[in-house]
Amino acid sequence: MNKWYLRIIKNKYELYCIDDSFDDEAPILVLINILKDKYKNIIFKDEESNIMGGEYRKKVIIDNIELNIYEELSSLTLSSDDKKANDIILEVSHLLNAEIT
């Protein structure tokens, strides 16, 4: 199973995962499914990404709060510049049993 971590950077929460290639489900799919199950007023928007370079970006909007999903090679991050997103990130981190670093 992939291991999830929660860290605090400049009073903002950030949830991240280092992909375990032996896991059955990709971290981004796990994260998107949890967000879809937990929040009803949610919009996903693809951002400019460099798929060939191993970089993928997606914007998530929940109740007018913008969050960012950033995936690069074997790591995935959910973050936001909006401090209101801290509650969402914290709640999702609890659902994923994230370790606080």
PDB file of N, CA and C in Angstrom:
ATOM      1  N   MET A   1       0.841  -1.184   0.000  1.00  0.00           N
ATOM      2  CA  MET A   1       0.000   0.000   0.000  1.00  0.00           C
ATOM      3  C   MET A   1       0.885   1.246   0.000  1.00  0.00           C
ATOM      4  N   ASN A   2       0.476   2.246  -0.743  1.00  0.00           N
ATOM      5  CA  ASN A   2       1.228   3.497  -0.779  1.00  0.00           C
ATOM      6  C   ASN A   2       1.175   4.188   0.574  1.00  0.00           C
ATOM      7  N   LYS A   3       2.243   4.854   0.920  1.00  0.00           N
ATOM      8  CA  LYS A   3       2.325   5.583   2.178  1.00  0.00           C
ATOM      9  C   LYS A   3       2.085   7.058   1.912  1.00  0.00           C
ATOM     10  N   TRP A   4       1.172   7.653   2.665  1.00  0.00           N
ATOM     11  CA  TRP A   4       0.824   9.064   2.518  1.00  0.00           C
ATOM     12  C   TRP A   4       1.399   9.858   3.682  1.00  0.00           C
ATOM     13  N   TYR A   5       1.759  11.107   3.414  1.00  0.00           N
ATOM     14  CA  TYR A   5       2.377  11.968   4.418  1.00  0.00           C
ATOM     15  C   TYR A   5       1.701  13.340   4.396  1.00  0.00           C
ATOM     16  N   LEU A   6       1.617  13.947   5.567  1.00  0.00           N
ATOM     17  CA  LEU A   6       1.091  15.303   5.691  1.00  0.00           C
ATOM     18  C   LEU A   6       2.201  16.162   6.260  1.00  0.00           C
ATOM     19  N   ARG A   7       2.464  17.279   5.583  1.00  0.00           N
ATOM     20  CA  ARG A   7       3.471  18.205   6.098  1.00  0.00           C
ATOM     21  C   ARG A   7       2.890  19.612   6.100  1.00  0.00           C
ATOM     22  N   ILE A   8       3.454  20.444   6.944  1.00  0.00           N
ATOM     23  CA  ILE A   8       3.021  21.838   7.044  1.00  0.00           C
ATOM     24  C   ILE A   8       4.176  22.713   6.581  1.00  0.00           C
ATOM     25  N   ILE A   9       3.900  23.528   5.564  1.00  0.00           N
ATOM     26  CA  ILE A   9       4.905  24.439   5.020  1.00  0.00           C
ATOM     27  C   ILE A   9       4.306  25.836   5.034  1.00  0.00           C
ATOM     28  N   LYS A  10       4.909  26.737   5.797  1.00  0.00           N
ATOM     29  CA  LYS A  10       4.440  28.121   5.893  1.00  0.00           C
ATOM     30  C   LYS A  10       2.944  28.183   6.217  1.00  0.00           C
ATOM     31  N   ASN A  11       2.531  27.443   7.244  1.00  0.00           N
ATOM     32  CA  ASN A  11       1.147  27.403   7.732  1.00  0.00           C
ATOM     33  C   ASN A  11       0.149  26.857   6.720  1.00  0.00           C
ATOM     34  N   LYS A  12       0.616  26.126   5.723  1.00  0.00           N
ATOM     35  CA  LYS A  12      -0.268  25.492   4.752  1.00  0.00           C
ATOM     36  C   LYS A  12       0.016  23.994   4.750  1.00  0.00           C
ATOM     37  N   TYR A  13      -1.049  23.218   4.693  1.00  0.00           N
ATOM     38  CA  TYR A  13      -0.907  21.770   4.666  1.00  0.00           C
ATOM     39  C   TYR A  13      -0.635  21.291   3.251  1.00  0.00           C
ATOM     40  N   GLU A  14       0.118  20.201   3.188  1.00  0.00           N
ATOM     41  CA  GLU A  14       0.432  19.574   1.916  1.00  0.00           C
ATOM     42  C   GLU A  14       0.415  18.064   2.132  1.00  0.00           C
ATOM     43  N   LEU A  15      -0.350  17.384   1.316  1.00  0.00           N
ATOM     44  CA  LEU A  15      -0.449  15.934   1.390  1.00  0.00           C
ATOM     45  C   LEU A  15       0.357  15.357   0.237  1.00  0.00           C
ATOM     46  N   TYR A  16       1.197  14.386   0.521  1.00  0.00           N
ATOM     47  CA  TYR A  16       1.977  13.804  -0.571  1.00  0.00           C
ATOM     48  C   TYR A  16       2.156  12.305  -0.383  1.00  0.00           C
ATOM     49  N   CYS A  17       2.499  11.666  -1.468  1.00  0.00           N
ATOM     50  CA  CYS A  17       2.659  10.220  -1.492  1.00  0.00           C
ATOM     51  C   CYS A  17       3.838   9.881  -2.383  1.00  0.00           C
ATOM     52  N   ILE A  18       4.627   8.937  -1.927  1.00  0.00           N
ATOM     53  CA  ILE A  18       5.680   8.378  -2.756  1.00  0.00           C
ATOM     54  C   ILE A  18       5.124   7.070  -3.303  1.00  0.00           C
ATOM     55  N   ASP A  19       5.027   6.953  -4.616  1.00  0.00           N
ATOM     56  CA  ASP A  19       4.396   5.813  -5.266  1.00  0.00           C
ATOM     57  C   ASP A  19       5.181   4.540  -5.021  1.00  0.00           C
ATOM     58  N   ASP A  20       4.480   3.529  -4.540  1.00  0.00           N
ATOM     59  CA  ASP A  20       5.042   2.199  -4.376  1.00  0.00           C
ATOM     60  C   ASP A  20       4.599   1.391  -5.588  1.00  0.00           C
ATOM     61  N   SER A  21       5.510   1.104  -6.471  1.00  0.00           N
ATOM     62  CA  SER A  21       5.145   0.458  -7.730  1.00  0.00           C
ATOM     63  C   SER A  21       4.519  -0.923  -7.533  1.00  0.00           C
ATOM     64  N   PHE A  22       4.570  -1.448  -6.328  1.00  0.00           N
ATOM     65  CA  PHE A  22       3.969  -2.757  -6.063  1.00  0.00           C
ATOM     66  C   PHE A  22       2.504  -2.627  -5.650  1.00  0.00           C
ATOM     67  N   ASP A  23       2.040  -1.397  -5.446  1.00  0.00           N
ATOM     68  CA  ASP A  23       0.656  -1.186  -5.043  1.00  0.00           C
ATOM     69  C   ASP A  23      -0.269  -1.439  -6.225  1.00  0.00           C
ATOM     70  N   ASP A  24      -1.477  -1.885  -5.931  1.00  0.00           N
ATOM     71  CA  ASP A  24      -2.450  -2.201  -6.978  1.00  0.00           C
ATOM     72  C   ASP A  24      -3.070  -0.960  -7.612  1.00  0.00           C
ATOM     73  N   GLU A  25      -3.138   0.131  -6.861  1.00  0.00           N
ATOM     74  CA  GLU A  25      -3.842   1.306  -7.358  1.00  0.00           C
ATOM     75  C   GLU A  25      -2.943   2.533  -7.320  1.00  0.00           C
ATOM     76  N   ALA A  26      -2.921   3.277  -8.411  1.00  0.00           N
ATOM     77  CA  ALA A  26      -2.095   4.476  -8.506  1.00  0.00           C
ATOM     78  C   ALA A  26      -2.580   5.518  -7.504  1.00  0.00           C
ATOM     79  N   PRO A  27      -1.653   6.225  -6.855  1.00  0.00           N
ATOM     80  CA  PRO A  27      -2.031   7.218  -5.853  1.00  0.00           C
ATOM     81  C   PRO A  27      -3.016   8.266  -6.375  1.00  0.00           C
ATOM     82  N   ILE A  28      -2.856   8.692  -7.617  1.00  0.00           N
ATOM     83  CA  ILE A  28      -3.756   9.731  -8.132  1.00  0.00           C
ATOM     84  C   ILE A  28      -5.189   9.213  -8.221  1.00  0.00           C
ATOM     85  N   LEU A  29      -5.366   7.953  -8.566  1.00  0.00           N
ATOM     86  CA  LEU A  29      -6.712   7.378  -8.621  1.00  0.00           C
ATOM     87  C   LEU A  29      -7.316   7.248  -7.230  1.00  0.00           C
ATOM     88  N   VAL A  30      -6.500   6.859  -6.270  1.00  0.00           N
ATOM     89  CA  VAL A  30      -6.958   6.770  -4.886  1.00  0.00           C
ATOM     90  C   VAL A  30      -7.413   8.149  -4.412  1.00  0.00           C
ATOM     91  N   LEU A  31      -6.594   9.159  -4.641  1.00  0.00           N
ATOM     92  CA  LEU A  31      -6.903  10.516  -4.203  1.00  0.00           C
ATOM     93  C   LEU A  31      -8.167  11.048  -4.877  1.00  0.00           C
ATOM     94  N   ILE A  32      -8.273  10.906  -6.185  1.00  0.00           N
ATOM     95  CA  ILE A  32      -9.447  11.401  -6.913  1.00  0.00           C
ATOM     96  C   ILE A  32     -10.714  10.697  -6.445  1.00  0.00           C
ATOM     97  N   ASN A  33     -10.656   9.395  -6.235  1.00  0.00           N
ATOM     98  CA  ASN A  33     -11.834   8.663  -5.756  1.00  0.00           C
ATOM     99  C   ASN A  33     -12.271   9.111  -4.372  1.00  0.00           C
ATOM    100  N   ILE A  34     -11.325   9.363  -3.488  1.00  0.00           N
ATOM    101  CA  ILE A  34     -11.666   9.854  -2.149  1.00  0.00           C
ATOM    102  C   ILE A  34     -12.314  11.229  -2.242  1.00  0.00           C
ATOM    103  N   LEU A  35     -11.743  12.111  -3.052  1.00  0.00           N
ATOM    104  CA  LEU A  35     -12.305  13.453  -3.207  1.00  0.00           C
ATOM    105  C   LEU A  35     -13.718  13.384  -3.779  1.00  0.00           C
ATOM    106  N   LYS A  36     -13.933  12.538  -4.786  1.00  0.00           N
ATOM    107  CA  LYS A  36     -15.265  12.394  -5.386  1.00  0.00           C
ATOM    108  C   LYS A  36     -16.277  11.841  -4.390  1.00  0.00           C
ATOM    109  N   ASP A  37     -15.847  10.885  -3.568  1.00  0.00           N
ATOM    110  CA  ASP A  37     -16.747  10.291  -2.576  1.00  0.00           C
ATOM    111  C   ASP A  37     -17.081  11.258  -1.450  1.00  0.00           C
ATOM    112  N   LYS A  38     -16.107  12.065  -1.053  1.00  0.00           N
ATOM    113  CA  LYS A  38     -16.251  12.928   0.117  1.00  0.00           C
ATOM    114  C   LYS A  38     -16.961  14.241  -0.193  1.00  0.00           C
ATOM    115  N   TYR A  39     -16.729  14.804  -1.368  1.00  0.00           N
ATOM    116  CA  TYR A  39     -17.240  16.144  -1.687  1.00  0.00           C
ATOM    117  C   TYR A  39     -18.171  16.095  -2.891  1.00  0.00           C
ATOM    118  N   LYS A  40     -19.287  16.768  -2.768  1.00  0.00           N
ATOM    119  CA  LYS A  40     -20.286  16.776  -3.847  1.00  0.00           C
ATOM    120  C   LYS A  40     -20.077  17.946  -4.799  1.00  0.00           C
ATOM    121  N   ASN A  41     -19.679  19.085  -4.295  1.00  0.00           N
ATOM    122  CA  ASN A  41     -19.490  20.273  -5.120  1.00  0.00           C
ATOM    123  C   ASN A  41     -18.018  20.350  -5.530  1.00  0.00           C
ATOM    124  N   ILE A  42     -17.638  19.485  -6.472  1.00  0.00           N
ATOM    125  CA  ILE A  42     -16.229  19.350  -6.843  1.00  0.00           C
ATOM    126  C   ILE A  42     -16.075  19.424  -8.371  1.00  0.00           C
ATOM    127  N   ILE A  43     -15.039  20.111  -8.800  1.00  0.00           N
ATOM    128  CA  ILE A  43     -14.726  20.251 -10.224  1.00  0.00           C
ATOM    129  C   ILE A  43     -13.254  19.898 -10.409  1.00  0.00           C
ATOM    130  N   PHE A  44     -12.974  19.085 -11.417  1.00  0.00           N
ATOM    131  CA  PHE A  44     -11.601  18.744 -11.780  1.00  0.00           C
ATOM    132  C   PHE A  44     -11.284  19.412 -13.111  1.00  0.00           C
ATOM    133  N   LYS A  45     -10.127  20.048 -13.191  1.00  0.00           N
ATOM    134  CA  LYS A  45      -9.684  20.678 -14.438  1.00  0.00           C
ATOM    135  C   LYS A  45      -8.251  20.244 -14.713  1.00  0.00           C
ATOM    136  N   ASP A  46      -8.036  19.738 -15.919  1.00  0.00           N
ATOM    137  CA  ASP A  46      -6.667  19.396 -16.305  1.00  0.00           C
ATOM    138  C   ASP A  46      -5.880  20.673 -16.534  1.00  0.00           C
ATOM    139  N   GLU A  47      -4.671  20.707 -16.057  1.00  0.00           N
ATOM    140  CA  GLU A  47      -3.771  21.844 -16.236  1.00  0.00           C
ATOM    141  C   GLU A  47      -2.712  21.451 -17.269  1.00  0.00           C
ATOM    142  N   GLU A  48      -1.985  22.429 -17.738  1.00  0.00           N
ATOM    143  CA  GLU A  48      -0.910  22.140 -18.682  1.00  0.00           C
ATOM    144  C   GLU A  48       0.113  21.223 -18.011  1.00  0.00           C
ATOM    145  N   SER A  49       0.384  20.110 -18.647  1.00  0.00           N
ATOM    146  CA  SER A  49       1.275  19.100 -18.089  1.00  0.00           C
ATOM    147  C   SER A  49       2.301  18.678 -19.132  1.00  0.00           C
ATOM    148  N   ASN A  50       3.343  18.048 -18.660  1.00  0.00           N
ATOM    149  CA  ASN A  50       4.368  17.491 -19.543  1.00  0.00           C
ATOM    150  C   ASN A  50       4.338  15.972 -19.357  1.00  0.00           C
ATOM    151  N   ILE A  51       3.336  15.347 -19.944  1.00  0.00           N
ATOM    152  CA  ILE A  51       3.141  13.912 -19.766  1.00  0.00           C
ATOM    153  C   ILE A  51       4.380  13.121 -20.191  1.00  0.00           C
ATOM    154  N   MET A  52       4.984  13.497 -21.312  1.00  0.00           N
ATOM    155  CA  MET A  52       6.169  12.786 -21.786  1.00  0.00           C
ATOM    156  C   MET A  52       7.337  12.950 -20.818  1.00  0.00           C
ATOM    157  N   GLY A  53       7.361  14.039 -20.090  1.00  0.00           N
ATOM    158  CA  GLY A  53       8.411  14.280 -19.103  1.00  0.00           C
ATOM    159  C   GLY A  53       8.066  13.730 -17.728  1.00  0.00           C
ATOM    160  N   GLY A  54       6.922  13.052 -17.617  1.00  0.00           N
ATOM    161  CA  GLY A  54       6.534  12.448 -16.348  1.00  0.00           C
ATOM    162  C   GLY A  54       5.891  13.419 -15.378  1.00  0.00           C
ATOM    163  N   GLU A  55       5.331  14.499 -15.895  1.00  0.00           N
ATOM    164  CA  GLU A  55       4.727  15.517 -15.029  1.00  0.00           C
ATOM    165  C   GLU A  55       3.246  15.673 -15.383  1.00  0.00           C
ATOM    166  N   TYR A  56       2.387  15.668 -14.367  1.00  0.00           N
ATOM    167  CA  TYR A  56       0.952  15.784 -14.582  1.00  0.00           C
ATOM    168  C   TYR A  56       0.372  16.737 -13.544  1.00  0.00           C
ATOM    169  N   ARG A  57      -0.482  17.650 -13.994  1.00  0.00           N
ATOM    170  CA  ARG A  57      -1.106  18.628 -13.095  1.00  0.00           C
ATOM    171  C   ARG A  57      -2.619  18.628 -13.293  1.00  0.00           C
ATOM    172  N   LYS A  58      -3.316  18.788 -12.177  1.00  0.00           N
ATOM    173  CA  LYS A  58      -4.767  18.872 -12.206  1.00  0.00           C
ATOM    174  C   LYS A  58      -5.204  19.864 -11.139  1.00  0.00           C
ATOM    175  N   LYS A  59      -6.152  20.722 -11.494  1.00  0.00           N
ATOM    176  CA  LYS A  59      -6.728  21.670 -10.533  1.00  0.00           C
ATOM    177  C   LYS A  59      -8.020  21.057 -10.008  1.00  0.00           C
ATOM    178  N   VAL A  60      -8.227  21.147  -8.694  1.00  0.00           N
ATOM    179  CA  VAL A  60      -9.435  20.662  -8.051  1.00  0.00           C
ATOM    180  C   VAL A  60     -10.096  21.855  -7.364  1.00  0.00           C
ATOM    181  N   ILE A  61     -11.374  22.045  -7.617  1.00  0.00           N
ATOM    182  CA  ILE A  61     -12.108  23.132  -6.980  1.00  0.00           C
ATOM    183  C   ILE A  61     -13.232  22.518  -6.155  1.00  0.00           C
ATOM    184  N   ILE A  62     -13.185  22.763  -4.858  1.00  0.00           N
ATOM    185  CA  ILE A  62     -14.195  22.260  -3.929  1.00  0.00           C
ATOM    186  C   ILE A  62     -14.779  23.461  -3.204  1.00  0.00           C
ATOM    187  N   ASP A  63     -16.064  23.697  -3.397  1.00  0.00           N
ATOM    188  CA  ASP A  63     -16.735  24.839  -2.757  1.00  0.00           C
ATOM    189  C   ASP A  63     -15.951  26.133  -2.949  1.00  0.00           C
ATOM    190  N   ASN A  64     -15.521  26.394  -4.174  1.00  0.00           N
ATOM    191  CA  ASN A  64     -14.768  27.596  -4.561  1.00  0.00           C
ATOM    192  C   ASN A  64     -13.375  27.696  -3.937  1.00  0.00           C
ATOM    193  N   ILE A  65     -12.869  26.599  -3.421  1.00  0.00           N
ATOM    194  CA  ILE A  65     -11.505  26.543  -2.887  1.00  0.00           C
ATOM    195  C   ILE A  65     -10.658  25.747  -3.876  1.00  0.00           C
ATOM    196  N   GLU A  66      -9.589  26.372  -4.374  1.00  0.00           N
ATOM    197  CA  GLU A  66      -8.735  25.721  -5.365  1.00  0.00           C
ATOM    198  C   GLU A  66      -7.610  24.929  -4.700  1.00  0.00           C
ATOM    199  N   LEU A  67      -7.454  23.714  -5.168  1.00  0.00           N
ATOM    200  CA  LEU A  67      -6.348  22.860  -4.751  1.00  0.00           C
ATOM    201  C   LEU A  67      -5.627  22.386  -6.005  1.00  0.00           C
ATOM    202  N   ASN A  68      -4.409  21.943  -5.828  1.00  0.00           N
ATOM    203  CA  ASN A  68      -3.595  21.482  -6.947  1.00  0.00           C
ATOM    204  C   ASN A  68      -3.129  20.057  -6.701  1.00  0.00           C
ATOM    205  N   ILE A  69      -3.259  19.234  -7.727  1.00  0.00           N
ATOM    206  CA  ILE A  69      -2.665  17.902  -7.706  1.00  0.00           C
ATOM    207  C   ILE A  69      -1.480  17.960  -8.662  1.00  0.00           C
ATOM    208  N   TYR A  70      -0.344  17.576  -8.157  1.00  0.00           N
ATOM    209  CA  TYR A  70       0.879  17.583  -8.964  1.00  0.00           C
ATOM    210  C   TYR A  70       1.523  16.207  -8.839  1.00  0.00           C
ATOM    211  N   GLU A  71       1.719  15.566  -9.968  1.00  0.00           N
ATOM    212  CA  GLU A  71       2.341  14.250  -9.975  1.00  0.00           C
ATOM    213  C   GLU A  71       3.584  14.309 -10.848  1.00  0.00           C
ATOM    214  N   GLU A  72       4.685  13.855 -10.291  1.00  0.00           N
ATOM    215  CA  GLU A  72       5.942  13.833 -11.032  1.00  0.00           C
ATOM    216  C   GLU A  72       6.654  12.524 -10.740  1.00  0.00           C
ATOM    217  N   LEU A  73       6.903  11.779 -11.805  1.00  0.00           N
ATOM    218  CA  LEU A  73       7.559  10.478 -11.711  1.00  0.00           C
ATOM    219  C   LEU A  73       6.871   9.618 -10.657  1.00  0.00           C
ATOM    220  N   SER A  74       7.460   9.455  -9.487  1.00  0.00           N
ATOM    221  CA  SER A  74       6.860   8.550  -8.499  1.00  0.00           C
ATOM    222  C   SER A  74       6.321   9.283  -7.271  1.00  0.00           C
ATOM    223  N   SER A  75       6.053  10.579  -7.376  1.00  0.00           N
ATOM    224  CA  SER A  75       5.492  11.288  -6.226  1.00  0.00           C
ATOM    225  C   SER A  75       4.248  12.066  -6.643  1.00  0.00           C
ATOM    226  N   LEU A  76       3.351  12.240  -5.676  1.00  0.00           N
ATOM    227  CA  LEU A  76       2.090  12.946  -5.895  1.00  0.00           C
ATOM    228  C   LEU A  76       1.889  13.911  -4.744  1.00  0.00           C
ATOM    229  N   THR A  77       1.427  15.131  -5.048  1.00  0.00           N
ATOM    230  CA  THR A  77       1.211  16.143  -4.013  1.00  0.00           C
ATOM    231  C   THR A  77      -0.150  16.788  -4.204  1.00  0.00           C
ATOM    232  N   LEU A  78      -0.865  16.969  -3.089  1.00  0.00           N
ATOM    233  CA  LEU A  78      -2.098  17.754  -3.054  1.00  0.00           C
ATOM    234  C   LEU A  78      -1.801  18.966  -2.183  1.00  0.00           C
ATOM    235  N   SER A  79      -1.946  20.171  -2.766  1.00  0.00           N
ATOM    236  CA  SER A  79      -1.620  21.388  -2.032  1.00  0.00           C
ATOM    237  C   SER A  79      -2.514  22.519  -2.497  1.00  0.00           C
ATOM    238  N   SER A  80      -2.361  23.671  -1.839  1.00  0.00           N
ATOM    239  CA  SER A  80      -3.136  24.849  -2.220  1.00  0.00           C
ATOM    240  C   SER A  80      -2.451  26.091  -1.675  1.00  0.00           C
ATOM    241  N   ASP A  81      -2.650  27.206  -2.362  1.00  0.00           N
ATOM    242  CA  ASP A  81      -2.183  28.491  -1.853  1.00  0.00           C
ATOM    243  C   ASP A  81      -3.231  29.128  -0.948  1.00  0.00           C
ATOM    244  N   ASP A  82      -4.428  28.561  -0.929  1.00  0.00           N
ATOM    245  CA  ASP A  82      -5.544  29.074  -0.140  1.00  0.00           C
ATOM    246  C   ASP A  82      -5.548  28.386   1.231  1.00  0.00           C
ATOM    247  N   LYS A  83      -5.421  29.164   2.297  1.00  0.00           N
ATOM    248  CA  LYS A  83      -5.386  28.576   3.644  1.00  0.00           C
ATOM    249  C   LYS A  83      -6.696  27.870   3.997  1.00  0.00           C
ATOM    250  N   LYS A  84      -7.782  28.229   3.312  1.00  0.00           N
ATOM    251  CA  LYS A  84      -9.065  27.558   3.559  1.00  0.00           C
ATOM    252  C   LYS A  84      -8.996  26.092   3.149  1.00  0.00           C
ATOM    253  N   ALA A  85      -8.049  25.759   2.305  1.00  0.00           N
ATOM    254  CA  ALA A  85      -7.900  24.377   1.845  1.00  0.00           C
ATOM    255  C   ALA A  85      -7.286  23.474   2.918  1.00  0.00           C
ATOM    256  N   ASN A  86      -6.710  24.060   3.958  1.00  0.00           N
ATOM    257  CA  ASN A  86      -6.093  23.252   5.012  1.00  0.00           C
ATOM    258  C   ASN A  86      -7.064  22.230   5.587  1.00  0.00           C
ATOM    259  N   ASP A  87      -8.317  22.632   5.810  1.00  0.00           N
ATOM    260  CA  ASP A  87      -9.309  21.712   6.380  1.00  0.00           C
ATOM    261  C   ASP A  87      -9.564  20.528   5.451  1.00  0.00           C
ATOM    262  N   ILE A  88      -9.644  20.804   4.154  1.00  0.00           N
ATOM    263  CA  ILE A  88      -9.871  19.732   3.178  1.00  0.00           C
ATOM    264  C   ILE A  88      -8.677  18.790   3.152  1.00  0.00           C
ATOM    265  N   ILE A  89      -7.482  19.340   3.074  1.00  0.00           N
ATOM    266  CA  ILE A  89      -6.270  18.518   3.025  1.00  0.00           C
ATOM    267  C   ILE A  89      -6.128  17.701   4.309  1.00  0.00           C
ATOM    268  N   LEU A  90      -6.412  18.298   5.434  1.00  0.00           N
ATOM    269  CA  LEU A  90      -6.329  17.582   6.704  1.00  0.00           C
ATOM    270  C   LEU A  90      -7.340  16.439   6.752  1.00  0.00           C
ATOM    271  N   GLU A  91      -8.557  16.700   6.309  1.00  0.00           N
ATOM    272  CA  GLU A  91      -9.590  15.667   6.310  1.00  0.00           C
ATOM    273  C   GLU A  91      -9.215  14.497   5.392  1.00  0.00           C
ATOM    274  N   VAL A  92      -8.727  14.807   4.209  1.00  0.00           N
ATOM    275  CA  VAL A  92      -8.310  13.753   3.275  1.00  0.00           C
ATOM    276  C   VAL A  92      -7.122  12.980   3.837  1.00  0.00           C
ATOM    277  N   SER A  93      -6.207  13.673   4.493  1.00  0.00           N
ATOM    278  CA  SER A  93      -5.045  12.997   5.068  1.00  0.00           C
ATOM    279  C   SER A  93      -5.461  12.003   6.155  1.00  0.00           C
ATOM    280  N   HIS A  94      -6.507  12.346   6.916  1.00  0.00           N
ATOM    281  CA  HIS A  94      -7.017  11.413   7.931  1.00  0.00           C
ATOM    282  C   HIS A  94      -7.620  10.171   7.259  1.00  0.00           C
ATOM    283  N   LEU A  95      -8.344  10.372   6.174  1.00  0.00           N
ATOM    284  CA  LEU A  95      -8.951   9.242   5.461  1.00  0.00           C
ATOM    285  C   LEU A  95      -7.886   8.316   4.875  1.00  0.00           C
ATOM    286  N   LEU A  96      -6.730   8.870   4.533  1.00  0.00           N
ATOM    287  CA  LEU A  96      -5.633   8.081   3.971  1.00  0.00           C
ATOM    288  C   LEU A  96      -4.628   7.606   5.034  1.00  0.00           C
ATOM    289  N   ASN A  97      -4.935   7.927   6.300  1.00  0.00           N
ATOM    290  CA  ASN A  97      -4.032   7.574   7.398  1.00  0.00           C
ATOM    291  C   ASN A  97      -2.612   8.096   7.171  1.00  0.00           C
ATOM    292  N   ALA A  98      -2.539   9.351   6.743  1.00  0.00           N
ATOM    293  CA  ALA A  98      -1.241   9.960   6.448  1.00  0.00           C
ATOM    294  C   ALA A  98      -0.426  10.158   7.719  1.00  0.00           C
ATOM    295  N   GLU A  99       0.839   9.954   7.586  1.00  0.00           N
ATOM    296  CA  GLU A  99       1.794  10.190   8.676  1.00  0.00           C
ATOM    297  C   GLU A  99       2.197  11.660   8.632  1.00  0.00           C
ATOM    298  N   ILE A 100       2.250  12.306   9.785  1.00  0.00           N
ATOM    299  CA  ILE A 100       2.637  13.721   9.851  1.00  0.00           C
ATOM    300  C   ILE A 100       4.158  13.795   9.895  1.00  0.00           C
ATOM    301  N   THR A 101       4.719  14.609   8.969  1.00  0.00           N
ATOM    302  CA  THR A 101       6.176  14.741   8.934  1.00  0.00           C
ATOM    303  C   THR A 101       6.595  16.144   9.306  1.00  0.00           C
TER     304      THR A 101
END
